[in-house]
């Protein structure tokens, strides 16, 4: 192999390496973006879950079922869910 051919191959390897580095950086940025999106969707899911529980509780209380124990259990569950959401937001 001639020196010229060797140099060309070395340059080609460096170009490929630079392209791979660039692609790796793009993928790392995409990972960060997707992680942020997942976090936002988890927060939204948590909030929607709380809204759903609130609606269920409101319906139960509106119906006047008179079941105080059930209403208290639902309130306690709702409070735990709110605490979880606050913990997620603090992370």
Protein backbone atom coordinates (compact mmCIF):
# COMPACT_ATOMS: atom_id res chain seq x y z
CA UNK A 1 0.00 0.00 0.00
CA UNK A 2 1.30 3.40 -0.88
CA UNK A 3 1.62 6.27 1.55
CA UNK A 4 -0.92 8.25 -0.45
CA UNK A 5 -3.51 5.47 -0.20
CA UNK A 6 -2.83 5.13 3.52
CA UNK A 7 -3.36 8.86 4.02
CA UNK A 8 -6.65 8.71 2.11
CA UNK A 9 -7.87 5.83 4.24
CA UNK A 10 -6.86 7.66 7.43
CA UNK A 11 -8.73 10.77 6.26
CA UNK A 12 -11.76 8.66 5.43
CA UNK A 13 -11.70 7.08 8.88
CA UNK A 14 -11.51 10.55 10.48
CA UNK A 15 -14.43 11.80 8.37
CA UNK A 16 -16.51 8.80 9.37
CA UNK A 17 -15.53 9.31 13.00
CA UNK A 18 -16.61 12.98 12.86
CA UNK A 19 -19.92 12.00 11.25
CA UNK A 20 -20.51 9.42 13.95
CA UNK A 21 -19.67 11.94 16.67
CA UNK A 22 -22.16 14.39 15.16
CA UNK A 23 -24.85 11.71 14.93
CA UNK A 24 -24.15 10.67 18.52
CA UNK A 25 -24.61 14.28 19.70
CA UNK A 26 -27.89 14.52 17.77
CA UNK A 27 -29.11 11.30 19.37
CA UNK A 28 -28.07 12.51 22.84
CA UNK A 29 -30.09 15.70 22.29
CA UNK A 30 -33.05 13.65 21.13
CA UNK A 31 -32.81 11.49 24.25
CA UNK A 32 -32.84 14.59 26.45
CA UNK A 33 -35.81 15.97 24.56
CA UNK A 34 -37.73 12.70 24.83
CA UNK A 35 -36.97 12.40 28.55
CA UNK A 36 -38.38 15.89 29.07
CA UNK A 37 -41.44 14.99 27.04
CA UNK A 38 -41.96 11.82 29.10
CA UNK A 39 -41.65 13.82 32.34
CA UNK A 40 -44.22 16.35 31.13
CA UNK A 41 -46.59 13.59 30.05
CA UNK A 42 -46.21 11.85 33.42
CA UNK A 43 -47.05 15.11 35.17
CA UNK A 44 -50.05 15.64 32.90
CA UNK A 45 -51.20 12.06 33.53
CA UNK A 46 -50.93 12.64 37.26
CA UNK A 47 -52.93 15.85 37.06
CA UNK A 48 -55.58 14.25 34.86
CA UNK A 49 -55.79 11.33 37.26
CA UNK A 50 -56.38 13.77 40.09
CA UNK A 51 -59.07 15.56 38.10
CA UNK A 52 -60.72 12.23 37.42
CA UNK A 53 -60.65 11.32 41.10
CA UNK A 54 -62.06 14.75 41.96
CA UNK A 55 -64.91 14.19 39.53
CA UNK A 56 -65.62 10.76 40.98
CA UNK A 57 -65.60 12.22 44.48
CA UNK A 58 -67.86 15.08 43.45
CA UNK A 59 -70.29 12.63 41.85
CA UNK A 60 -70.28 10.44 44.95
CA UNK A 61 -70.96 13.42 47.18
CA UNK A 62 -73.53 14.84 44.77
CA UNK A 63 -75.43 11.58 44.72
CA UNK A 64 -75.89 11.98 48.45
CA UNK A 65 -75.06 8.38 49.04
CA UNK A 66 -74.38 9.24 52.66
CA UNK A 67 -71.43 6.87 52.74
CA UNK A 68 -69.02 9.01 54.75
CA UNK A 69 -66.43 6.24 55.03
CA UNK A 70 -66.25 5.86 51.24
CA UNK A 71 -65.98 9.62 50.78
CA UNK A 72 -63.23 9.81 53.41
CA UNK A 73 -61.31 6.96 51.73
CA UNK A 74 -61.58 8.70 48.39
CA UNK A 75 -60.35 11.96 49.91
CA UNK A 76 -57.39 10.16 51.49
CA UNK A 77 -56.54 8.51 48.19
CA UNK A 78 -56.80 11.87 46.46
CA UNK A 79 -54.44 13.44 48.99
CA UNK A 80 -51.89 10.66 48.43
CA UNK A 81 -52.09 11.20 44.67
CA UNK A 82 -51.58 14.94 45.12
CA UNK A 83 -48.54 14.24 47.30
CA UNK A 84 -47.13 11.99 44.56
CA UNK A 85 -47.67 14.70 41.96
CA UNK A 86 -45.99 17.31 44.11
CA UNK A 87 -43.04 14.93 44.60
CA UNK A 88 -42.82 14.44 40.82
CA UNK A 89 -42.86 18.17 40.24
CA UNK A 90 -40.11 18.68 42.81
CA UNK A 91 -37.85 16.17 41.02
